[in-house]
C-alpha atoms as a PDB file:
ATOM      1  CA  UNK A   1       0.000   0.000   0.000  1.00  0.00           C
ATOM      2  CA  UNK A   2       1.408   3.346  -0.989  1.00  0.00           C
ATOM      3  CA  UNK A   3       1.930   5.979   1.668  1.00  0.00           C
ATOM      4  CA  UNK A   4      -0.444   8.353  -0.112  1.00  0.00           C
ATOM      5  CA  UNK A   5      -3.202   5.747  -0.199  1.00  0.00           C
ATOM      6  CA  UNK A   6      -2.657   4.972   3.454  1.00  0.00           C
ATOM      7  CA  UNK A   7      -2.931   8.641   4.411  1.00  0.00           C
ATOM      8  CA  UNK A   8      -6.058   9.172   2.299  1.00  0.00           C
ATOM      9  CA  UNK A   9      -7.750   6.108   3.799  1.00  0.00           C
ATOM     10  CA  UNK A  10      -6.913   7.162   7.353  1.00  0.00           C
ATOM     11  CA  UNK A  11      -8.173  10.683   6.632  1.00  0.00           C
ATOM     12  CA  UNK A  12     -11.430   9.255   5.287  1.00  0.00           C
ATOM     13  CA  UNK A  13     -11.743   7.077   8.388  1.00  0.00           C
ATOM     14  CA  UNK A  14     -11.151  10.087  10.668  1.00  0.00           C
ATOM     15  CA  UNK A  15     -13.690  12.144   8.726  1.00  0.00           C
ATOM     16  CA  UNK A  16     -16.206   9.345   9.214  1.00  0.00           C
ATOM     17  CA  UNK A  17     -15.565   9.241  12.950  1.00  0.00           C
ATOM     18  CA  UNK A  18     -16.112  13.002  13.187  1.00  0.00           C
ATOM     19  CA  UNK A  19     -19.345  12.771  11.177  1.00  0.00           C
ATOM     20  CA  UNK A  20     -20.586   9.888  13.302  1.00  0.00           C
ATOM     21  CA  UNK A  21     -19.814  11.769  16.514  1.00  0.00           C
ATOM     22  CA  UNK A  22     -21.436  14.954  15.249  1.00  0.00           C
ATOM     23  CA  UNK A  23     -24.512  13.005  14.219  1.00  0.00           C
ATOM     24  CA  UNK A  24     -24.714  11.317  17.588  1.00  0.00           C
ATOM     25  CA  UNK A  25     -24.298  14.648  19.405  1.00  0.00           C
ATOM     26  CA  UNK A  26     -26.964  16.416  17.373  1.00  0.00           C
ATOM     27  CA  UNK A  27     -29.297  13.402  17.153  1.00  0.00           C
ATOM     28  CA  UNK A  28     -28.928  13.452  13.360  1.00  0.00           C
ATOM     29  CA  UNK A  29     -29.278   9.781  12.452  1.00  0.00           C
ATOM     30  CA  UNK A  30     -28.493  10.403   8.784  1.00  0.00           C
ATOM     31  CA  UNK A  31     -25.182  12.134   9.568  1.00  0.00           C
ATOM     32  CA  UNK A  32     -24.284   9.389  12.027  1.00  0.00           C
ATOM     33  CA  UNK A  33     -25.014   6.725   9.404  1.00  0.00           C
ATOM     34  CA  UNK A  34     -22.968   8.647   6.817  1.00  0.00           C
ATOM     35  CA  UNK A  35     -20.037   8.656   9.223  1.00  0.00           C
ATOM     36  CA  UNK A  36     -20.272   4.912   9.757  1.00  0.00           C
ATOM     37  CA  UNK A  37     -20.498   4.397   5.984  1.00  0.00           C
ATOM     38  CA  UNK A  38     -17.380   6.520   5.426  1.00  0.00           C
ATOM     39  CA  UNK A  39     -15.490   4.446   7.993  1.00  0.00           C
ATOM     40  CA  UNK A  40     -16.628   1.177   6.429  1.00  0.00           C
ATOM     41  CA  UNK A  41     -15.607   2.384   2.976  1.00  0.00           C
ATOM     42  CA  UNK A  42     -12.182   3.323   4.322  1.00  0.00           C
ATOM     43  CA  UNK A  43     -11.751  -0.064   6.007  1.00  0.00           C
ATOM     44  CA  UNK A  44     -12.666  -1.881   2.793  1.00  0.00           C
ATOM     45  CA  UNK A  45     -10.149   0.166   0.821  1.00  0.00           C
ATOM     46  CA  UNK A  46      -7.460  -0.606   3.396  1.00  0.00           C
ATOM     47  CA  UNK A  47      -8.271  -4.317   3.232  1.00  0.00           C
ATOM     48  CA  UNK A  48      -8.099  -4.263  -0.562  1.00  0.00           C
ATOM     49  CA  UNK A  49      -4.707  -2.572  -0.460  1.00  0.00           C
ATOM     50  CA  UNK A  50      -3.427  -5.179   2.003  1.00  0.00           C
ATOM     51  CA  UNK A  51      -4.572  -7.982  -0.302  1.00  0.00           C
ATOM     52  CA  UNK A  52      -2.734  -6.364  -3.215  1.00  0.00           C
ATOM     53  CA  UNK A  53       0.401  -5.985  -1.076  1.00  0.00           C
ATOM     54  CA  UNK A  54       0.239  -9.627   0.002  1.00  0.00           C
ATOM     55  CA  UNK A  55      -0.289 -10.818  -3.562  1.00  0.00           C
ATOM     56  CA  UNK A  56       2.752  -8.832  -4.621  1.00  0.00           C
ATOM     57  CA  UNK A  57       4.843 -10.409  -1.870  1.00  0.00           C
ATOM     58  CA  UNK A  58       3.751 -13.916  -2.899  1.00  0.00           C
ATOM     59  CA  UNK A  59       4.524 -13.126  -6.524  1.00  0.00           C
ATOM     60  CA  UNK A  60       7.971 -11.828  -5.527  1.00  0.00           C
ATOM     61  CA  UNK A  61       8.647 -14.962  -3.454  1.00  0.00           C
ATOM     62  CA  UNK A  62       8.121 -17.155  -6.518  1.00  0.00           C
ATOM     63  CA  UNK A  63      10.486 -15.025  -8.604  1.00  0.00           C
ATOM     64  CA  UNK A  64      13.421 -15.918  -6.360  1.00  0.00           C
END
């Protein structure tokens, strides 16, 4: 996973946490749900990047 991707995903996760907290504080269920969705999206992106990294490592191991 590239450093830029990692930073963007973490920023999206943090943004989601802020939205969720703001929604909870203001009793705005839609904003809270949006925040959870942003966090989930970020987690899925991070998981996908980890899979790609692992696949690359396996590929490299067979080259040796």
